[in-house]
Amino acid sequence: MLSKSIQEALNKQVQMEAESSQAYLAMASWTEIQPGLEGVSNFFYQQSDEERQHMLKLVRFINERGGYAMVPALEQPMVTFPSIKKLFEEYLNHELKVSNSINDLVHLSLSEKDYATHNFLQWYVNEQIEEERVARTLNDKLELIGDDRSGLYLFDRDIMNYRGKE
């Protein structure tokens, strides 16, 4: 049985995962209407789907452990971006925020001696290590490219390779 504080914290994480899914969907939509960024758009559509799966995994865990998972109301995410570089910076910042939230959950589960939740959260800890690695690598590549349009073309073509390495 989940404590009230663990249930509330897990429900906040449900909201964060839902917000992540929406944010990445907005990024996918924006990049889809930018010329030549089909790969980036597909990458973010996949990211959005993945975050929704993370949310569902939490919902099921909460309910299975005797809690009640709440479906969150969501605010409108950022829908336009000044540049592809700024979009990817936002992506990295968002993943760092999610990692901090997961770490707080792990800390809470240990402080309450809720080892079942702690064990469950280890999957998210490992997932965030990979998510941060991908986001940092993509930001580094964009930094190297600078304003080189041919580099951006190659970046767009190669970005889908990052989904298979997780």
N, C-alpha and C. Protein backbone atom coordinates (compact mmCIF):
# COMPACT_ATOMS: atom_id res chain seq x y z
N MET A 1 0.85 -1.19 0.00
CA MET A 1 0.00 0.00 0.00
C MET A 1 0.89 1.25 0.00
N LEU A 2 0.56 2.18 -0.85
CA LEU A 2 1.33 3.42 -0.93
C LEU A 2 0.92 4.38 0.18
N SER A 3 1.90 5.07 0.73
CA SER A 3 1.58 6.15 1.68
C SER A 3 0.99 7.32 0.89
N LYS A 4 0.33 8.19 1.60
CA LYS A 4 -0.26 9.37 0.94
C LYS A 4 0.83 10.22 0.27
N SER A 5 1.95 10.39 0.97
CA SER A 5 3.02 11.25 0.40
C SER A 5 3.64 10.61 -0.84
N ILE A 6 3.82 9.29 -0.83
CA ILE A 6 4.36 8.61 -2.02
C ILE A 6 3.35 8.69 -3.17
N GLN A 7 2.08 8.46 -2.87
CA GLN A 7 1.05 8.55 -3.91
C GLN A 7 1.03 9.94 -4.54
N GLU A 8 1.08 10.97 -3.72
CA GLU A 8 1.07 12.35 -4.23
C GLU A 8 2.31 12.62 -5.09
N ALA A 9 3.46 12.16 -4.62
CA ALA A 9 4.71 12.38 -5.37
C ALA A 9 4.69 11.62 -6.70
N LEU A 10 4.18 10.40 -6.68
CA LEU A 10 4.09 9.63 -7.93
C LEU A 10 3.09 10.29 -8.89
N ASN A 11 2.00 10.82 -8.37
CA ASN A 11 1.05 11.52 -9.23
C ASN A 11 1.65 12.79 -9.83
N LYS A 12 2.53 13.45 -9.08
CA LYS A 12 3.23 14.61 -9.65
C LYS A 12 4.15 14.15 -10.79
N GLN A 13 4.73 12.97 -10.65
CA GLN A 13 5.58 12.44 -11.71
C GLN A 13 4.73 12.05 -12.93
N VAL A 14 3.53 11.55 -12.68
CA VAL A 14 2.60 11.27 -13.79
C VAL A 14 2.39 12.56 -14.58
N GLN A 15 2.16 13.64 -13.87
CA GLN A 15 1.95 14.93 -14.54
C GLN A 15 3.20 15.35 -15.31
N MET A 16 4.37 15.16 -14.71
CA MET A 16 5.61 15.54 -15.39
C MET A 16 5.80 14.74 -16.68
N GLU A 17 5.51 13.45 -16.63
CA GLU A 17 5.64 12.61 -17.83
C GLU A 17 4.63 13.02 -18.90
N ALA A 18 3.41 13.37 -18.47
CA ALA A 18 2.40 13.85 -19.42
C ALA A 18 2.83 15.17 -20.04
N GLU A 19 3.38 16.06 -19.21
CA GLU A 19 3.88 17.34 -19.73
C GLU A 19 5.04 17.12 -20.70
N SER A 20 5.88 16.14 -20.41
CA SER A 20 6.99 15.81 -21.31
C SER A 20 6.45 15.35 -22.66
N SER A 21 5.46 14.48 -22.61
CA SER A 21 4.86 13.98 -23.85
C SER A 21 4.29 15.13 -24.67
N GLN A 22 3.59 16.04 -24.01
CA GLN A 22 3.01 17.19 -24.70
C GLN A 22 4.09 18.12 -25.25
N ALA A 23 5.13 18.36 -24.45
CA ALA A 23 6.21 19.25 -24.89
C ALA A 23 6.89 18.69 -26.14
N TYR A 24 7.13 17.38 -26.14
CA TYR A 24 7.80 16.78 -27.28
C TYR A 24 6.88 16.68 -28.49
N LEU A 25 5.59 16.55 -28.24
CA LEU A 25 4.64 16.59 -29.35
C LEU A 25 4.64 17.97 -30.00
N ALA A 26 4.70 19.02 -29.16
CA ALA A 26 4.78 20.38 -29.70
C ALA A 26 6.07 20.58 -30.49
N MET A 27 7.18 20.03 -29.99
CA MET A 27 8.45 20.12 -30.71
C MET A 27 8.36 19.38 -32.05
N ALA A 28 7.72 18.24 -32.04
CA ALA A 28 7.56 17.46 -33.28
C ALA A 28 6.74 18.24 -34.29
N SER A 29 5.66 18.83 -33.84
CA SER A 29 4.80 19.58 -34.75
C SER A 29 5.53 20.79 -35.32
N TRP A 30 6.25 21.53 -34.47
CA TRP A 30 6.97 22.71 -34.95
C TRP A 30 8.04 22.31 -35.96
N THR A 31 8.81 21.26 -35.66
CA THR A 31 9.88 20.87 -36.59
C THR A 31 9.31 20.28 -37.88
N GLU A 32 8.12 19.70 -37.79
CA GLU A 32 7.52 19.13 -39.00
C GLU A 32 7.20 20.19 -40.05
N ILE A 33 6.93 21.41 -39.62
CA ILE A 33 6.62 22.47 -40.59
C ILE A 33 7.85 23.29 -40.98
N GLN A 34 9.01 22.94 -40.42
CA GLN A 34 10.26 23.59 -40.80
C GLN A 34 10.84 22.81 -41.98
N PRO A 35 11.33 23.50 -42.99
CA PRO A 35 11.86 22.79 -44.16
C PRO A 35 13.06 21.90 -43.82
N GLY A 36 12.99 20.65 -44.22
CA GLY A 36 14.13 19.75 -44.13
C GLY A 36 14.39 19.13 -42.77
N LEU A 37 13.43 19.16 -41.86
CA LEU A 37 13.67 18.61 -40.52
C LEU A 37 12.77 17.41 -40.23
N GLU A 38 12.55 16.59 -41.24
CA GLU A 38 11.68 15.42 -41.07
C GLU A 38 12.24 14.45 -40.04
N GLY A 39 13.55 14.25 -40.03
CA GLY A 39 14.17 13.34 -39.07
C GLY A 39 14.00 13.84 -37.64
N VAL A 40 14.22 15.14 -37.43
CA VAL A 40 14.05 15.73 -36.11
C VAL A 40 12.59 15.61 -35.67
N SER A 41 11.68 15.88 -36.59
CA SER A 41 10.26 15.76 -36.27
C SER A 41 9.90 14.34 -35.86
N ASN A 42 10.35 13.36 -36.62
CA ASN A 42 10.09 11.96 -36.28
C ASN A 42 10.71 11.59 -34.93
N PHE A 43 11.89 12.10 -34.65
CA PHE A 43 12.55 11.86 -33.37
C PHE A 43 11.66 12.34 -32.22
N PHE A 44 11.12 13.55 -32.35
CA PHE A 44 10.30 14.09 -31.26
C PHE A 44 8.92 13.44 -31.18
N TYR A 45 8.37 12.99 -32.30
CA TYR A 45 7.13 12.20 -32.22
C TYR A 45 7.39 10.93 -31.42
N GLN A 46 8.52 10.29 -31.65
CA GLN A 46 8.86 9.08 -30.89
C GLN A 46 9.10 9.41 -29.42
N GLN A 47 9.77 10.53 -29.16
CA GLN A 47 9.99 10.95 -27.78
C GLN A 47 8.66 11.16 -27.06
N SER A 48 7.73 11.79 -27.74
CA SER A 48 6.41 12.04 -27.16
C SER A 48 5.72 10.72 -26.80
N ASP A 49 5.75 9.77 -27.73
CA ASP A 49 5.15 8.45 -27.47
C ASP A 49 5.82 7.76 -26.28
N GLU A 50 7.13 7.86 -26.22
CA GLU A 50 7.88 7.22 -25.15
C GLU A 50 7.50 7.81 -23.79
N GLU A 51 7.38 9.12 -23.72
CA GLU A 51 7.01 9.77 -22.46
C GLU A 51 5.60 9.38 -22.04
N ARG A 52 4.71 9.21 -22.99
CA ARG A 52 3.36 8.75 -22.65
C ARG A 52 3.42 7.35 -22.06
N GLN A 53 4.27 6.50 -22.60
CA GLN A 53 4.43 5.16 -22.04
C GLN A 53 4.99 5.21 -20.62
N HIS A 54 5.90 6.13 -20.38
CA HIS A 54 6.44 6.32 -19.02
C HIS A 54 5.32 6.72 -18.05
N MET A 55 4.44 7.60 -18.54
CA MET A 55 3.31 8.03 -17.72
C MET A 55 2.39 6.85 -17.41
N LEU A 56 2.07 6.06 -18.42
CA LEU A 56 1.17 4.91 -18.22
C LEU A 56 1.77 3.89 -17.25
N LYS A 57 3.06 3.70 -17.33
CA LYS A 57 3.74 2.77 -16.42
C LYS A 57 3.55 3.23 -14.97
N LEU A 58 3.67 4.52 -14.74
CA LEU A 58 3.45 5.08 -13.40
C LEU A 58 1.99 4.93 -12.97
N VAL A 59 1.06 5.23 -13.85
CA VAL A 59 -0.36 5.12 -13.54
C VAL A 59 -0.68 3.70 -13.08
N ARG A 60 -0.22 2.74 -13.83
CA ARG A 60 -0.50 1.34 -13.48
C ARG A 60 0.15 0.95 -12.16
N PHE A 61 1.36 1.41 -11.92
CA PHE A 61 2.04 1.09 -10.67
C PHE A 61 1.26 1.67 -9.48
N ILE A 62 0.87 2.92 -9.57
CA ILE A 62 0.13 3.56 -8.48
C ILE A 62 -1.13 2.76 -8.17
N ASN A 63 -1.89 2.44 -9.21
CA ASN A 63 -3.15 1.72 -9.01
C ASN A 63 -2.91 0.30 -8.48
N GLU A 64 -1.89 -0.37 -8.99
CA GLU A 64 -1.60 -1.74 -8.53
C GLU A 64 -1.17 -1.77 -7.07
N ARG A 65 -0.58 -0.67 -6.59
CA ARG A 65 -0.09 -0.62 -5.21
C ARG A 65 -1.14 -0.07 -4.24
N GLY A 66 -2.39 0.00 -4.70
CA GLY A 66 -3.46 0.43 -3.81
C GLY A 66 -3.69 1.93 -3.75
N GLY A 67 -3.02 2.66 -4.63
CA GLY A 67 -3.23 4.10 -4.69
C GLY A 67 -4.26 4.44 -5.76
N TYR A 68 -4.36 5.70 -6.07
CA TYR A 68 -5.25 6.16 -7.12
C TYR A 68 -4.48 7.14 -8.00
N ALA A 69 -4.23 6.73 -9.22
CA ALA A 69 -3.51 7.58 -10.16
C ALA A 69 -4.47 8.61 -10.75
N MET A 70 -4.06 9.85 -10.68
CA MET A 70 -4.88 10.95 -11.18
C MET A 70 -4.42 11.34 -12.59
N VAL A 71 -5.38 11.54 -13.47
CA VAL A 71 -5.07 12.03 -14.82
C VAL A 71 -4.95 13.55 -14.71
N PRO A 72 -3.77 14.09 -15.02
CA PRO A 72 -3.53 15.52 -14.77
C PRO A 72 -4.08 16.43 -15.86
N ALA A 73 -4.45 17.62 -15.45
CA ALA A 73 -4.73 18.70 -16.40
C ALA A 73 -3.38 19.25 -16.84
N LEU A 74 -3.28 19.61 -18.10
CA LEU A 74 -2.00 20.08 -18.64
C LEU A 74 -2.11 21.49 -19.18
N GLU A 75 -1.04 22.25 -18.96
CA GLU A 75 -0.95 23.58 -19.55
C GLU A 75 -0.40 23.46 -20.96
N GLN A 76 -0.65 24.46 -21.76
CA GLN A 76 -0.12 24.52 -23.12
C GLN A 76 1.41 24.57 -23.07
N PRO A 77 2.10 23.65 -23.75
CA PRO A 77 3.56 23.72 -23.78
C PRO A 77 4.02 24.82 -24.74
N MET A 78 5.31 25.09 -24.71
CA MET A 78 5.90 26.00 -25.69
C MET A 78 5.67 25.40 -27.08
N VAL A 79 5.15 26.18 -28.00
CA VAL A 79 4.79 25.64 -29.32
C VAL A 79 5.62 26.19 -30.47
N THR A 80 6.38 27.24 -30.23
CA THR A 80 7.29 27.76 -31.26
C THR A 80 8.65 27.98 -30.62
N PHE A 81 9.67 27.96 -31.46
CA PHE A 81 11.04 28.05 -30.98
C PHE A 81 11.82 28.99 -31.89
N PRO A 82 12.71 29.80 -31.30
CA PRO A 82 13.46 30.75 -32.13
C PRO A 82 14.45 30.07 -33.07
N SER A 83 14.87 28.85 -32.74
CA SER A 83 15.83 28.14 -33.58
C SER A 83 15.84 26.66 -33.19
N ILE A 84 16.41 25.85 -34.05
CA ILE A 84 16.56 24.43 -33.76
C ILE A 84 17.50 24.25 -32.56
N LYS A 85 18.50 25.10 -32.46
CA LYS A 85 19.44 25.03 -31.33
C LYS A 85 18.70 25.29 -30.01
N LYS A 86 17.84 26.29 -29.98
CA LYS A 86 17.07 26.60 -28.76
C LYS A 86 16.11 25.46 -28.44
N LEU A 87 15.53 24.85 -29.44
CA LEU A 87 14.63 23.71 -29.23
C LEU A 87 15.37 22.59 -28.51
N PHE A 88 16.57 22.27 -28.97
CA PHE A 88 17.33 21.18 -28.36
C PHE A 88 17.86 21.56 -26.97
N GLU A 89 18.14 22.84 -26.74
CA GLU A 89 18.50 23.27 -25.39
C GLU A 89 17.31 23.06 -24.44
N GLU A 90 16.13 23.38 -24.92
CA GLU A 90 14.90 23.17 -24.13
C GLU A 90 14.71 21.68 -23.84
N TYR A 91 14.97 20.86 -24.82
CA TYR A 91 14.88 19.40 -24.66
C TYR A 91 15.82 18.92 -23.56
N LEU A 92 17.07 19.35 -23.58
CA LEU A 92 18.02 18.95 -22.54
C LEU A 92 17.58 19.46 -21.17
N ASN A 93 17.18 20.71 -21.09
CA ASN A 93 16.74 21.27 -19.80
C ASN A 93 15.55 20.50 -19.25
N HIS A 94 14.65 20.10 -20.13
CA HIS A 94 13.48 19.35 -19.70
C HIS A 94 13.90 17.98 -19.14
N GLU A 95 14.82 17.31 -19.80
CA GLU A 95 15.28 16.01 -19.32
C GLU A 95 15.99 16.13 -17.97
N LEU A 96 16.74 17.20 -17.78
CA LEU A 96 17.40 17.43 -16.49
C LEU A 96 16.37 17.63 -15.38
N LYS A 97 15.30 18.35 -15.70
CA LYS A 97 14.22 18.57 -14.74
C LYS A 97 13.55 17.24 -14.37
N VAL A 98 13.32 16.39 -15.35
CA VAL A 98 12.72 15.08 -15.09
C VAL A 98 13.66 14.24 -14.21
N SER A 99 14.94 14.26 -14.51
CA SER A 99 15.91 13.51 -13.70
C SER A 99 15.89 13.96 -12.25
N ASN A 100 15.84 15.26 -12.02
CA ASN A 100 15.78 15.78 -10.65
C ASN A 100 14.53 15.31 -9.93
N SER A 101 13.43 15.29 -10.65
CA SER A 101 12.17 14.84 -10.06
C SER A 101 12.23 13.35 -9.70
N ILE A 102 12.80 12.54 -10.58
CA ILE A 102 12.95 11.10 -10.30
C ILE A 102 13.86 10.92 -9.08
N ASN A 103 14.94 11.66 -9.02
CA ASN A 103 15.85 11.55 -7.87
C ASN A 103 15.14 11.91 -6.56
N ASP A 104 14.30 12.93 -6.60
CA ASP A 104 13.53 13.29 -5.41
C ASP A 104 12.59 12.16 -4.99
N LEU A 105 11.99 11.51 -5.98
CA LEU A 105 11.11 10.36 -5.70
C LEU A 105 11.88 9.21 -5.07
N VAL A 106 13.05 8.93 -5.60
CA VAL A 106 13.88 7.85 -5.06
C VAL A 106 14.23 8.17 -3.60
N HIS A 107 14.61 9.40 -3.34
CA HIS A 107 14.94 9.82 -1.98
C HIS A 107 13.74 9.63 -1.04
N LEU A 108 12.57 10.06 -1.49
CA LEU A 108 11.36 9.93 -0.68
C LEU A 108 11.05 8.45 -0.41
N SER A 109 11.16 7.62 -1.43
CA SER A 109 10.86 6.20 -1.24
C SER A 109 11.81 5.56 -0.23
N LEU A 110 13.07 5.95 -0.26
CA LEU A 110 14.02 5.41 0.72
C LEU A 110 13.74 5.96 2.12
N SER A 111 13.42 7.24 2.21
CA SER A 111 13.17 7.81 3.53
C SER A 111 11.93 7.20 4.18
N GLU A 112 10.98 6.73 3.36
CA GLU A 112 9.77 6.09 3.90
C GLU A 112 9.90 4.56 3.94
N LYS A 113 11.07 4.07 3.58
CA LYS A 113 11.32 2.63 3.54
C LYS A 113 10.31 1.89 2.66
N ASP A 114 9.95 2.53 1.55
CA ASP A 114 9.05 1.92 0.55
C ASP A 114 9.94 1.31 -0.53
N TYR A 115 10.40 0.11 -0.25
CA TYR A 115 11.38 -0.53 -1.13
C TYR A 115 10.77 -1.01 -2.45
N ALA A 116 9.50 -1.29 -2.46
CA ALA A 116 8.84 -1.67 -3.72
C ALA A 116 8.85 -0.48 -4.69
N THR A 117 8.52 0.70 -4.18
CA THR A 117 8.55 1.89 -5.03
C THR A 117 9.99 2.22 -5.42
N HIS A 118 10.90 2.09 -4.47
CA HIS A 118 12.31 2.34 -4.79
C HIS A 118 12.77 1.42 -5.93
N ASN A 119 12.45 0.16 -5.83
CA ASN A 119 12.82 -0.80 -6.87
C ASN A 119 12.19 -0.43 -8.21
N PHE A 120 10.92 -0.09 -8.21
CA PHE A 120 10.22 0.32 -9.42
C PHE A 120 10.89 1.54 -10.06
N LEU A 121 11.31 2.48 -9.25
CA LEU A 121 11.89 3.73 -9.77
C LEU A 121 13.27 3.55 -10.38
N GLN A 122 13.94 2.44 -10.10
CA GLN A 122 15.27 2.22 -10.67
C GLN A 122 15.22 2.19 -12.19
N TRP A 123 14.12 1.70 -12.75
CA TRP A 123 13.97 1.71 -14.21
C TRP A 123 14.02 3.15 -14.73
N TYR A 124 13.34 4.07 -14.02
CA TYR A 124 13.32 5.48 -14.42
C TYR A 124 14.69 6.13 -14.26
N VAL A 125 15.40 5.76 -13.20
CA VAL A 125 16.77 6.29 -13.00
C VAL A 125 17.63 5.92 -14.20
N ASN A 126 17.60 4.66 -14.58
CA ASN A 126 18.40 4.20 -15.73
C ASN A 126 17.94 4.85 -17.03
N GLU A 127 16.65 5.00 -17.19
CA GLU A 127 16.10 5.64 -18.39
C GLU A 127 16.59 7.08 -18.49
N GLN A 128 16.61 7.79 -17.38
CA GLN A 128 17.04 9.18 -17.41
C GLN A 128 18.52 9.33 -17.71
N ILE A 129 19.33 8.39 -17.29
CA ILE A 129 20.74 8.42 -17.65
C ILE A 129 20.87 8.42 -19.17
N GLU A 130 20.11 7.54 -19.81
CA GLU A 130 20.15 7.44 -21.27
C GLU A 130 19.55 8.68 -21.93
N GLU A 131 18.44 9.17 -21.41
CA GLU A 131 17.80 10.35 -21.99
C GLU A 131 18.73 11.57 -21.93
N GLU A 132 19.39 11.75 -20.80
CA GLU A 132 20.32 12.88 -20.68
C GLU A 132 21.49 12.72 -21.64
N ARG A 133 22.01 11.48 -21.78
CA ARG A 133 23.13 11.25 -22.69
C ARG A 133 22.74 11.63 -24.12
N VAL A 134 21.58 11.19 -24.56
CA VAL A 134 21.13 11.49 -25.92
C VAL A 134 20.96 13.00 -26.08
N ALA A 135 20.30 13.65 -25.12
CA ALA A 135 20.06 15.10 -25.24
C ALA A 135 21.38 15.88 -25.26
N ARG A 136 22.33 15.49 -24.43
CA ARG A 136 23.63 16.18 -24.42
C ARG A 136 24.38 15.96 -25.73
N THR A 137 24.37 14.73 -26.21
CA THR A 137 25.07 14.42 -27.46
C THR A 137 24.49 15.23 -28.61
N LEU A 138 23.18 15.29 -28.69
CA LEU A 138 22.55 16.04 -29.79
C LEU A 138 22.83 17.53 -29.68
N ASN A 139 22.83 18.06 -28.46
CA ASN A 139 23.19 19.47 -28.27
C ASN A 139 24.65 19.72 -28.65
N ASP A 140 25.53 18.80 -28.29
CA ASP A 140 26.95 18.94 -28.66
C ASP A 140 27.11 18.94 -30.18
N LYS A 141 26.38 18.07 -30.85
CA LYS A 141 26.48 18.02 -32.31
C LYS A 141 25.99 19.32 -32.95
N LEU A 142 24.91 19.87 -32.43
CA LEU A 142 24.42 21.14 -32.97
C LEU A 142 25.40 22.27 -32.71
N GLU A 143 26.08 22.22 -31.59
CA GLU A 143 27.11 23.22 -31.29
C GLU A 143 28.25 23.13 -32.31
N LEU A 144 28.65 21.91 -32.64
CA LEU A 144 29.70 21.71 -33.64
C LEU A 144 29.27 22.20 -35.02
N ILE A 145 28.03 21.96 -35.36
CA ILE A 145 27.50 22.34 -36.68
C ILE A 145 27.45 23.85 -36.84
N GLY A 146 27.06 24.54 -35.76
CA GLY A 146 26.92 25.99 -35.86
C GLY A 146 25.86 26.35 -36.87
N ASP A 147 26.21 27.21 -37.80
CA ASP A 147 25.26 27.66 -38.83
C ASP A 147 25.43 26.93 -40.16
N ASP A 148 26.16 25.83 -40.16
CA ASP A 148 26.41 25.07 -41.39
C ASP A 148 25.15 24.29 -41.79
N ARG A 149 24.51 24.72 -42.88
CA ARG A 149 23.26 24.09 -43.31
C ARG A 149 23.47 22.65 -43.77
N SER A 150 24.61 22.37 -44.36
CA SER A 150 24.85 20.98 -44.78
C SER A 150 25.03 20.09 -43.55
N GLY A 151 25.62 20.65 -42.49
CA GLY A 151 25.75 19.92 -41.23
C GLY A 151 24.38 19.64 -40.62
N LEU A 152 23.48 20.61 -40.71
CA LEU A 152 22.12 20.42 -40.20
C LEU A 152 21.40 19.34 -41.01
N TYR A 153 21.64 19.32 -42.30
CA TYR A 153 21.06 18.26 -43.14
C TYR A 153 21.51 16.88 -42.65
N LEU A 154 22.80 16.72 -42.39
CA LEU A 154 23.32 15.44 -41.90
C LEU A 154 22.80 15.12 -40.50
N PHE A 155 22.70 16.13 -39.66
CA PHE A 155 22.15 15.97 -38.31
C PHE A 155 20.72 15.43 -38.40
N ASP A 156 19.92 16.04 -39.26
CA ASP A 156 18.54 15.60 -39.43
C ASP A 156 18.46 14.17 -39.94
N ARG A 157 19.33 13.83 -40.84
CA ARG A 157 19.33 12.48 -41.41
C ARG A 157 19.76 11.44 -40.39
N ASP A 158 20.70 11.80 -39.53
CA ASP A 158 21.29 10.83 -38.60
C ASP A 158 20.59 10.76 -37.24
N ILE A 159 19.70 11.68 -36.93
CA ILE A 159 19.13 11.74 -35.58
C ILE A 159 18.36 10.47 -35.20
N MET A 160 17.77 9.80 -36.15
CA MET A 160 16.99 8.62 -35.82
C MET A 160 17.87 7.47 -35.31
N ASN A 161 19.16 7.52 -35.58
CA ASN A 161 20.06 6.50 -35.06
C ASN A 161 20.11 6.50 -33.54
N TYR A 162 19.76 7.62 -32.91
CA TYR A 162 19.83 7.71 -31.45
C TYR A 162 18.72 6.93 -30.77
N ARG A 163 17.63 6.67 -31.43
CA ARG A 163 16.55 5.91 -30.80
C ARG A 163 16.93 4.45 -30.65
N GLY A 164 17.73 3.92 -31.55
CA GLY A 164 18.07 2.51 -31.49
C GLY A 164 19.13 2.17 -30.46
N LYS A 165 19.82 3.16 -29.93
CA LYS A 165 20.94 2.92 -29.01
C LYS A 165 20.52 2.86 -27.56
N GLU A 166 19.23 3.06 -27.28
CA GLU A 166 18.78 3.12 -25.88
C GLU A 166 18.54 1.75 -25.31
